Amino acid sequence: MINSSLLCVFLCILISAPFTRSRPSEEHPMYTAARLTDEYKHILDGKIKLAESHIFTDDVTVDDCGKGGNFDYLSDKLDSLIPTLSEINVSVKFAYPVPFTNNTIEFSIDEILTLHDGNVQQGEKAFFARTDEKDDKYRIYDIRAVPCYSSQ
């Protein structure tokens, strides 16, 4: 009787163990399917090493128009912003890629950025990578914020 009780307890623990494990909230999902340009080619366990590479950036105002972080809505805004972005130099150690919308990845980065004009920015930034339809490689963009355009 004791053996069957122990066996039952063991089986219950074994079955429930995978459901009780959870990732720490600070851990970012892995995204290793990206084919990146040479500047962003180092992928290690979901971390992409960006050492003294270039990204495209522009200062824009944060506003998702009350959509509560609706990624489809923000992605439409990204499509209108990305062609107008300008290039900066950055010194970034690690980026944590997160799947975004079609052909797009979001990178959450907590590092120091040095702009061409010598200004230094520090803190977490949101970067987005998009594929170039011609070569299917990812290019990195620093959107950081998406402006709200009126629907008029």
N, C-alpha and C. Protein backbone atom coordinates (compact mmCIF):
# COMPACT_ATOMS: atom_id res chain seq x y z
N MET A 1 0.83 -1.20 0.00
CA MET A 1 0.00 0.00 0.00
C MET A 1 0.87 1.26 0.00
N ILE A 2 1.92 1.24 0.82
CA ILE A 2 2.82 2.39 0.89
C ILE A 2 3.54 2.58 -0.44
N ASN A 3 3.94 1.46 -1.04
CA ASN A 3 4.63 1.54 -2.33
C ASN A 3 3.74 2.15 -3.40
N SER A 4 2.47 1.75 -3.44
CA SER A 4 1.57 2.31 -4.45
C SER A 4 1.29 3.78 -4.19
N SER A 5 1.24 4.18 -2.92
CA SER A 5 1.05 5.60 -2.58
C SER A 5 2.25 6.42 -3.02
N LEU A 6 3.43 5.89 -2.74
CA LEU A 6 4.65 6.59 -3.15
C LEU A 6 4.73 6.69 -4.67
N LEU A 7 4.36 5.61 -5.36
CA LEU A 7 4.37 5.63 -6.81
C LEU A 7 3.39 6.67 -7.36
N CYS A 8 2.23 6.75 -6.74
CA CYS A 8 1.22 7.73 -7.17
C CYS A 8 1.73 9.16 -6.97
N VAL A 9 2.34 9.42 -5.81
CA VAL A 9 2.89 10.75 -5.53
C VAL A 9 4.00 11.09 -6.52
N PHE A 10 4.88 10.13 -6.78
CA PHE A 10 5.97 10.34 -7.73
C PHE A 10 5.44 10.67 -9.12
N LEU A 11 4.43 9.91 -9.58
CA LEU A 11 3.85 10.15 -10.90
C LEU A 11 3.19 11.52 -10.97
N CYS A 12 2.51 11.92 -9.90
CA CYS A 12 1.87 13.25 -9.88
C CYS A 12 2.91 14.36 -9.99
N ILE A 13 4.01 14.20 -9.26
CA ILE A 13 5.09 15.20 -9.31
C ILE A 13 5.71 15.23 -10.70
N LEU A 14 5.94 14.06 -11.27
CA LEU A 14 6.56 13.96 -12.58
C LEU A 14 5.69 14.59 -13.66
N ILE A 15 4.38 14.37 -13.58
CA ILE A 15 3.46 14.91 -14.58
C ILE A 15 3.29 16.42 -14.43
N SER A 16 3.24 16.91 -13.20
CA SER A 16 2.99 18.33 -12.98
C SER A 16 4.24 19.19 -13.09
N ALA A 17 5.42 18.62 -13.05
CA ALA A 17 6.67 19.40 -13.06
C ALA A 17 6.80 20.32 -14.26
N PRO A 18 6.54 19.83 -15.50
CA PRO A 18 6.71 20.74 -16.65
C PRO A 18 5.77 21.94 -16.62
N PHE A 19 4.60 21.79 -15.97
CA PHE A 19 3.63 22.88 -15.95
C PHE A 19 3.94 23.91 -14.88
N THR A 20 4.73 23.55 -13.89
CA THR A 20 5.02 24.49 -12.82
C THR A 20 6.26 25.32 -13.11
N ARG A 21 7.06 24.91 -14.09
CA ARG A 21 8.25 25.68 -14.43
C ARG A 21 7.86 26.92 -15.22
N SER A 22 8.41 28.04 -14.88
CA SER A 22 8.14 29.25 -15.65
C SER A 22 9.43 30.02 -15.83
N ARG A 23 9.52 30.71 -16.95
CA ARG A 23 10.72 31.50 -17.20
C ARG A 23 10.70 32.75 -16.35
N PRO A 24 11.85 33.20 -15.89
CA PRO A 24 11.89 34.49 -15.19
C PRO A 24 11.34 35.58 -16.10
N SER A 25 10.69 36.57 -15.51
CA SER A 25 10.06 37.62 -16.32
C SER A 25 11.08 38.43 -17.11
N GLU A 26 12.33 38.47 -16.65
CA GLU A 26 13.32 39.27 -17.35
C GLU A 26 13.94 38.53 -18.53
N GLU A 27 13.65 37.24 -18.65
CA GLU A 27 14.24 36.47 -19.74
C GLU A 27 13.50 36.75 -21.04
N HIS A 28 14.25 36.96 -22.11
CA HIS A 28 13.64 37.24 -23.40
C HIS A 28 13.55 35.95 -24.21
N PRO A 29 12.53 35.81 -25.04
CA PRO A 29 12.44 34.62 -25.89
C PRO A 29 13.61 34.55 -26.86
N MET A 30 13.99 33.35 -27.22
CA MET A 30 15.05 33.18 -28.21
C MET A 30 14.48 33.38 -29.60
N TYR A 31 15.27 33.92 -30.49
CA TYR A 31 14.89 34.05 -31.89
C TYR A 31 16.14 33.82 -32.71
N THR A 32 16.31 32.60 -33.17
CA THR A 32 17.55 32.26 -33.86
C THR A 32 17.34 32.03 -35.35
N ALA A 33 16.14 32.31 -35.85
CA ALA A 33 15.86 32.05 -37.25
C ALA A 33 16.29 33.18 -38.17
N ALA A 34 16.73 34.28 -37.59
CA ALA A 34 17.07 35.45 -38.40
C ALA A 34 18.34 35.21 -39.20
N ARG A 35 18.32 35.62 -40.46
CA ARG A 35 19.54 35.66 -41.26
C ARG A 35 19.98 37.11 -41.26
N LEU A 36 21.08 37.38 -40.60
CA LEU A 36 21.48 38.77 -40.35
C LEU A 36 22.63 39.19 -41.24
N THR A 37 22.76 40.49 -41.44
CA THR A 37 23.91 41.02 -42.15
C THR A 37 25.15 40.83 -41.27
N ASP A 38 26.33 41.04 -41.85
CA ASP A 38 27.57 40.77 -41.13
C ASP A 38 27.66 41.49 -39.79
N GLU A 39 27.12 42.71 -39.73
CA GLU A 39 27.22 43.47 -38.49
C GLU A 39 26.48 42.81 -37.34
N TYR A 40 25.49 41.98 -37.65
CA TYR A 40 24.63 41.41 -36.61
C TYR A 40 24.65 39.89 -36.65
N LYS A 41 25.76 39.30 -37.06
CA LYS A 41 25.77 37.87 -37.34
C LYS A 41 25.97 36.99 -36.10
N HIS A 42 26.34 37.55 -34.96
CA HIS A 42 26.66 36.72 -33.80
C HIS A 42 25.39 36.41 -33.02
N ILE A 43 24.91 35.19 -33.13
CA ILE A 43 23.71 34.78 -32.41
C ILE A 43 24.10 33.69 -31.42
N LEU A 44 23.91 33.94 -30.14
CA LEU A 44 24.24 32.97 -29.11
C LEU A 44 23.08 32.85 -28.14
N ASP A 45 22.39 31.73 -28.18
CA ASP A 45 21.27 31.48 -27.26
C ASP A 45 20.29 32.64 -27.22
N GLY A 46 19.95 33.16 -28.37
CA GLY A 46 18.98 34.24 -28.41
C GLY A 46 19.57 35.61 -28.17
N LYS A 47 20.89 35.68 -27.91
CA LYS A 47 21.54 36.98 -27.74
C LYS A 47 22.29 37.30 -29.02
N ILE A 48 22.10 38.48 -29.52
CA ILE A 48 22.80 38.89 -30.73
C ILE A 48 23.82 39.95 -30.34
N LYS A 49 25.07 39.69 -30.65
CA LYS A 49 26.14 40.61 -30.28
C LYS A 49 26.27 41.66 -31.36
N LEU A 50 26.12 42.91 -30.99
CA LEU A 50 26.23 44.03 -31.93
C LEU A 50 27.43 44.87 -31.52
N ALA A 51 28.58 44.58 -32.05
CA ALA A 51 29.79 45.27 -31.62
C ALA A 51 30.15 46.37 -32.60
N GLU A 52 30.05 47.63 -32.15
CA GLU A 52 30.42 48.79 -32.95
C GLU A 52 29.86 48.70 -34.38
N SER A 53 28.59 48.46 -34.46
CA SER A 53 27.96 48.34 -35.77
C SER A 53 27.08 49.55 -36.03
N HIS A 54 26.35 49.52 -37.11
CA HIS A 54 25.48 50.63 -37.47
C HIS A 54 24.02 50.22 -37.37
N ILE A 55 23.22 51.12 -36.86
CA ILE A 55 21.79 50.96 -36.94
C ILE A 55 21.21 52.26 -37.45
N PHE A 56 19.97 52.23 -37.85
CA PHE A 56 19.32 53.40 -38.41
C PHE A 56 18.34 53.94 -37.38
N THR A 57 18.42 55.23 -37.12
CA THR A 57 17.62 55.76 -36.02
C THR A 57 17.12 57.17 -36.32
N ASP A 58 16.11 57.54 -35.61
CA ASP A 58 15.59 58.90 -35.69
C ASP A 58 14.79 59.12 -34.42
N ASP A 59 14.76 60.34 -33.91
CA ASP A 59 13.99 60.63 -32.71
C ASP A 59 12.54 60.85 -33.09
N VAL A 60 11.65 60.08 -32.51
CA VAL A 60 10.22 60.24 -32.75
C VAL A 60 9.52 60.17 -31.40
N THR A 61 8.27 60.58 -31.36
CA THR A 61 7.54 60.68 -30.10
C THR A 61 6.80 59.39 -29.80
N VAL A 62 6.86 58.95 -28.53
CA VAL A 62 6.17 57.72 -28.15
C VAL A 62 4.67 57.95 -28.12
N ASP A 63 3.95 57.15 -28.87
CA ASP A 63 2.48 57.19 -28.81
C ASP A 63 1.93 56.03 -29.62
N ASP A 64 1.21 55.15 -28.98
CA ASP A 64 0.57 54.07 -29.73
C ASP A 64 -0.91 54.35 -29.93
N CYS A 65 -1.30 55.60 -29.74
CA CYS A 65 -2.66 56.06 -29.99
C CYS A 65 -3.69 55.31 -29.16
N GLY A 66 -3.33 54.92 -27.96
CA GLY A 66 -4.27 54.24 -27.09
C GLY A 66 -4.59 52.83 -27.52
N LYS A 67 -3.75 52.24 -28.35
CA LYS A 67 -4.03 50.89 -28.85
C LYS A 67 -3.54 49.82 -27.89
N GLY A 68 -2.93 50.22 -26.77
CA GLY A 68 -2.47 49.23 -25.79
C GLY A 68 -1.37 48.33 -26.30
N GLY A 69 -0.47 48.87 -27.09
CA GLY A 69 0.65 48.06 -27.58
C GLY A 69 0.26 47.11 -28.69
N ASN A 70 -0.77 47.43 -29.45
CA ASN A 70 -1.20 46.59 -30.57
C ASN A 70 -0.09 46.53 -31.60
N PHE A 71 0.54 45.35 -31.76
CA PHE A 71 1.71 45.24 -32.62
C PHE A 71 1.39 45.46 -34.09
N ASP A 72 0.19 45.05 -34.54
CA ASP A 72 -0.17 45.29 -35.94
C ASP A 72 -0.27 46.78 -36.22
N TYR A 73 -0.86 47.50 -35.28
CA TYR A 73 -0.98 48.96 -35.43
C TYR A 73 0.40 49.60 -35.47
N LEU A 74 1.26 49.21 -34.50
CA LEU A 74 2.60 49.79 -34.45
C LEU A 74 3.40 49.42 -35.70
N SER A 75 3.21 48.21 -36.18
CA SER A 75 3.94 47.78 -37.36
C SER A 75 3.59 48.63 -38.57
N ASP A 76 2.31 49.01 -38.69
CA ASP A 76 1.92 49.91 -39.78
C ASP A 76 2.65 51.24 -39.67
N LYS A 77 2.81 51.73 -38.43
CA LYS A 77 3.53 52.99 -38.23
C LYS A 77 5.01 52.82 -38.57
N LEU A 78 5.57 51.66 -38.22
CA LEU A 78 6.98 51.40 -38.55
C LEU A 78 7.19 51.45 -40.05
N ASP A 79 6.26 50.87 -40.79
CA ASP A 79 6.39 50.86 -42.24
C ASP A 79 6.48 52.27 -42.80
N SER A 80 5.75 53.21 -42.19
CA SER A 80 5.79 54.58 -42.69
C SER A 80 7.03 55.33 -42.21
N LEU A 81 7.63 54.90 -41.10
CA LEU A 81 8.79 55.61 -40.54
C LEU A 81 10.13 55.14 -41.08
N ILE A 82 10.27 53.86 -41.28
CA ILE A 82 11.59 53.29 -41.55
C ILE A 82 12.30 53.90 -42.76
N PRO A 83 11.64 54.18 -43.86
CA PRO A 83 12.39 54.75 -44.99
C PRO A 83 13.02 56.11 -44.71
N THR A 84 12.60 56.81 -43.66
CA THR A 84 13.12 58.16 -43.40
C THR A 84 14.19 58.18 -42.31
N LEU A 85 14.62 57.03 -41.81
CA LEU A 85 15.56 57.02 -40.69
C LEU A 85 16.99 57.28 -41.15
N SER A 86 17.81 57.82 -40.23
CA SER A 86 19.20 58.15 -40.56
C SER A 86 20.17 57.28 -39.76
N GLU A 87 21.40 57.20 -40.21
CA GLU A 87 22.36 56.27 -39.63
C GLU A 87 23.13 56.87 -38.47
N ILE A 88 23.40 56.05 -37.45
CA ILE A 88 24.25 56.46 -36.34
C ILE A 88 25.23 55.35 -36.02
N ASN A 89 26.29 55.68 -35.30
CA ASN A 89 27.20 54.68 -34.78
C ASN A 89 26.74 54.27 -33.39
N VAL A 90 26.87 53.00 -33.08
CA VAL A 90 26.50 52.55 -31.74
C VAL A 90 27.58 51.64 -31.19
N SER A 91 27.63 51.56 -29.89
CA SER A 91 28.49 50.59 -29.23
C SER A 91 27.58 49.78 -28.32
N VAL A 92 27.19 48.63 -28.80
CA VAL A 92 26.20 47.81 -28.10
C VAL A 92 26.78 46.42 -27.90
N LYS A 93 26.64 45.88 -26.72
CA LYS A 93 27.20 44.56 -26.46
C LYS A 93 26.21 43.45 -26.79
N PHE A 94 25.03 43.46 -26.22
CA PHE A 94 24.09 42.37 -26.46
C PHE A 94 22.69 42.89 -26.72
N ALA A 95 22.01 42.23 -27.61
CA ALA A 95 20.60 42.51 -27.87
C ALA A 95 19.82 41.23 -27.66
N TYR A 96 18.63 41.36 -27.15
CA TYR A 96 17.78 40.21 -26.91
C TYR A 96 16.61 40.26 -27.88
N PRO A 97 16.64 39.44 -28.92
CA PRO A 97 15.61 39.55 -29.95
C PRO A 97 14.28 38.95 -29.52
N VAL A 98 13.21 39.62 -29.89
CA VAL A 98 11.86 39.18 -29.58
C VAL A 98 11.06 39.20 -30.88
N PRO A 99 10.36 38.12 -31.22
CA PRO A 99 9.56 38.14 -32.45
C PRO A 99 8.54 39.27 -32.41
N PHE A 100 8.36 39.96 -33.51
CA PHE A 100 7.44 41.09 -33.59
C PHE A 100 6.35 40.72 -34.59
N THR A 101 6.23 41.38 -35.71
CA THR A 101 5.24 41.02 -36.71
C THR A 101 5.96 40.42 -37.91
N ASN A 102 5.28 40.24 -38.99
CA ASN A 102 5.87 39.59 -40.17
C ASN A 102 7.17 40.27 -40.59
N ASN A 103 8.19 39.45 -40.75
CA ASN A 103 9.51 39.91 -41.21
C ASN A 103 10.13 40.96 -40.29
N THR A 104 9.73 41.01 -39.05
CA THR A 104 10.24 42.03 -38.13
C THR A 104 10.58 41.40 -36.80
N ILE A 105 11.66 41.87 -36.18
CA ILE A 105 12.05 41.42 -34.84
C ILE A 105 12.26 42.65 -33.98
N GLU A 106 11.87 42.58 -32.72
CA GLU A 106 12.16 43.66 -31.78
C GLU A 106 13.34 43.25 -30.93
N PHE A 107 14.27 44.18 -30.71
CA PHE A 107 15.42 43.93 -29.85
C PHE A 107 15.35 44.85 -28.65
N SER A 108 15.38 44.28 -27.46
CA SER A 108 15.43 45.09 -26.26
C SER A 108 16.88 45.16 -25.82
N ILE A 109 17.42 46.36 -25.76
CA ILE A 109 18.85 46.53 -25.49
C ILE A 109 19.05 47.46 -24.30
N ASP A 110 19.91 47.07 -23.40
CA ASP A 110 20.24 47.93 -22.27
C ASP A 110 21.73 48.21 -22.33
N GLU A 111 22.10 49.18 -23.11
CA GLU A 111 23.51 49.49 -23.31
C GLU A 111 23.69 50.97 -23.59
N ILE A 112 24.91 51.37 -23.91
CA ILE A 112 25.23 52.78 -24.17
C ILE A 112 25.33 53.00 -25.68
N LEU A 113 24.69 54.04 -26.16
CA LEU A 113 24.76 54.40 -27.58
C LEU A 113 25.50 55.72 -27.71
N THR A 114 26.43 55.79 -28.65
CA THR A 114 27.14 57.04 -28.94
C THR A 114 26.74 57.51 -30.33
N LEU A 115 26.14 58.69 -30.40
CA LEU A 115 25.68 59.23 -31.67
C LEU A 115 26.84 59.88 -32.42
N HIS A 116 26.64 60.13 -33.72
CA HIS A 116 27.67 60.78 -34.52
C HIS A 116 28.06 62.14 -33.95
N ASP A 117 27.10 62.86 -33.36
CA ASP A 117 27.40 64.19 -32.84
C ASP A 117 28.06 64.15 -31.46
N GLY A 118 28.38 62.96 -30.96
CA GLY A 118 29.07 62.84 -29.68
C GLY A 118 28.16 62.66 -28.49
N ASN A 119 26.86 62.88 -28.66
CA ASN A 119 25.93 62.66 -27.55
C ASN A 119 25.88 61.18 -27.19
N VAL A 120 25.74 60.92 -25.91
CA VAL A 120 25.67 59.54 -25.42
C VAL A 120 24.29 59.29 -24.84
N GLN A 121 23.68 58.20 -25.24
CA GLN A 121 22.40 57.80 -24.67
C GLN A 121 22.61 56.50 -23.91
N GLN A 122 21.91 56.34 -22.81
CA GLN A 122 22.06 55.12 -22.03
C GLN A 122 20.69 54.68 -21.54
N GLY A 123 20.50 53.37 -21.46
CA GLY A 123 19.24 52.83 -20.99
C GLY A 123 18.66 51.87 -22.00
N GLU A 124 17.52 51.31 -21.65
CA GLU A 124 16.93 50.31 -22.53
C GLU A 124 16.29 50.98 -23.74
N LYS A 125 16.56 50.43 -24.89
CA LYS A 125 16.01 50.94 -26.14
C LYS A 125 15.27 49.81 -26.84
N ALA A 126 14.37 50.15 -27.70
CA ALA A 126 13.71 49.13 -28.52
C ALA A 126 14.22 49.26 -29.94
N PHE A 127 14.76 48.18 -30.46
CA PHE A 127 15.27 48.16 -31.82
C PHE A 127 14.43 47.19 -32.63
N PHE A 128 14.27 47.47 -33.90
CA PHE A 128 13.50 46.60 -34.75
C PHE A 128 14.33 46.21 -35.96
N ALA A 129 14.24 44.96 -36.34
CA ALA A 129 14.94 44.48 -37.53
C ALA A 129 13.90 44.11 -38.57
N ARG A 130 14.18 44.51 -39.80
CA ARG A 130 13.28 44.15 -40.90
C ARG A 130 14.07 43.47 -42.00
N THR A 131 13.39 42.60 -42.72
CA THR A 131 14.07 41.96 -43.84
C THR A 131 13.99 42.86 -45.07
N ASP A 132 15.06 42.81 -45.83
CA ASP A 132 15.06 43.44 -47.14
C ASP A 132 14.54 42.38 -48.11
N GLU A 133 13.47 42.67 -48.80
CA GLU A 133 12.83 41.65 -49.64
C GLU A 133 13.77 41.09 -50.71
N LYS A 134 14.76 41.89 -51.13
CA LYS A 134 15.65 41.43 -52.19
C LYS A 134 16.61 40.34 -51.70
N ASP A 135 17.18 40.51 -50.50
CA ASP A 135 18.17 39.54 -50.04
C ASP A 135 17.75 38.79 -48.78
N ASP A 136 16.59 39.09 -48.24
CA ASP A 136 16.05 38.40 -47.06
C ASP A 136 17.00 38.46 -45.87
N LYS A 137 17.77 39.54 -45.76
CA LYS A 137 18.63 39.73 -44.59
C LYS A 137 18.02 40.81 -43.71
N TYR A 138 18.32 40.73 -42.42
CA TYR A 138 17.73 41.70 -41.50
C TYR A 138 18.58 42.96 -41.40
N ARG A 139 17.90 44.09 -41.37
CA ARG A 139 18.55 45.37 -41.11
C ARG A 139 17.97 45.89 -39.81
N ILE A 140 18.82 46.51 -38.99
CA ILE A 140 18.40 46.91 -37.65
C ILE A 140 17.98 48.37 -37.64
N TYR A 141 16.85 48.65 -37.02
CA TYR A 141 16.34 50.01 -36.90
C TYR A 141 16.06 50.32 -35.44
N ASP A 142 16.37 51.54 -35.03
CA ASP A 142 16.03 51.99 -33.68
C ASP A 142 14.79 52.86 -33.82
N ILE A 143 13.65 52.32 -33.51
CA ILE A 143 12.41 53.08 -33.61
C ILE A 143 12.17 53.81 -32.30
N ARG A 144 12.29 53.09 -31.21
CA ARG A 144 12.22 53.66 -29.87
C ARG A 144 10.87 54.25 -29.53
N ALA A 145 10.12 54.67 -30.53
CA ALA A 145 8.84 55.32 -30.30
C ALA A 145 8.10 55.41 -31.62
N VAL A 146 6.80 55.36 -31.53
CA VAL A 146 5.99 55.42 -32.75
C VAL A 146 4.99 56.54 -32.61
N PRO A 147 5.03 57.52 -33.51
CA PRO A 147 4.11 58.65 -33.37
C PRO A 147 2.68 58.27 -33.72
N CYS A 148 1.75 58.99 -33.15
CA CYS A 148 0.34 58.77 -33.43
C CYS A 148 -0.08 59.72 -34.54
N TYR A 149 -0.45 59.17 -35.68
CA TYR A 149 -0.93 59.99 -36.78
C TYR A 149 -2.45 59.98 -36.75
N SER A 150 -3.07 61.13 -36.92
CA SER A 150 -4.54 61.17 -36.91
C SER A 150 -5.06 60.43 -38.13
N SER A 151 -6.22 59.83 -37.98
CA SER A 151 -6.79 59.03 -39.07
C SER A 151 -7.55 59.90 -40.07
N GLN A 152 -7.43 61.21 -39.95
CA GLN A 152 -8.15 62.10 -40.87
C GLN A 152 -7.48 62.13 -42.23
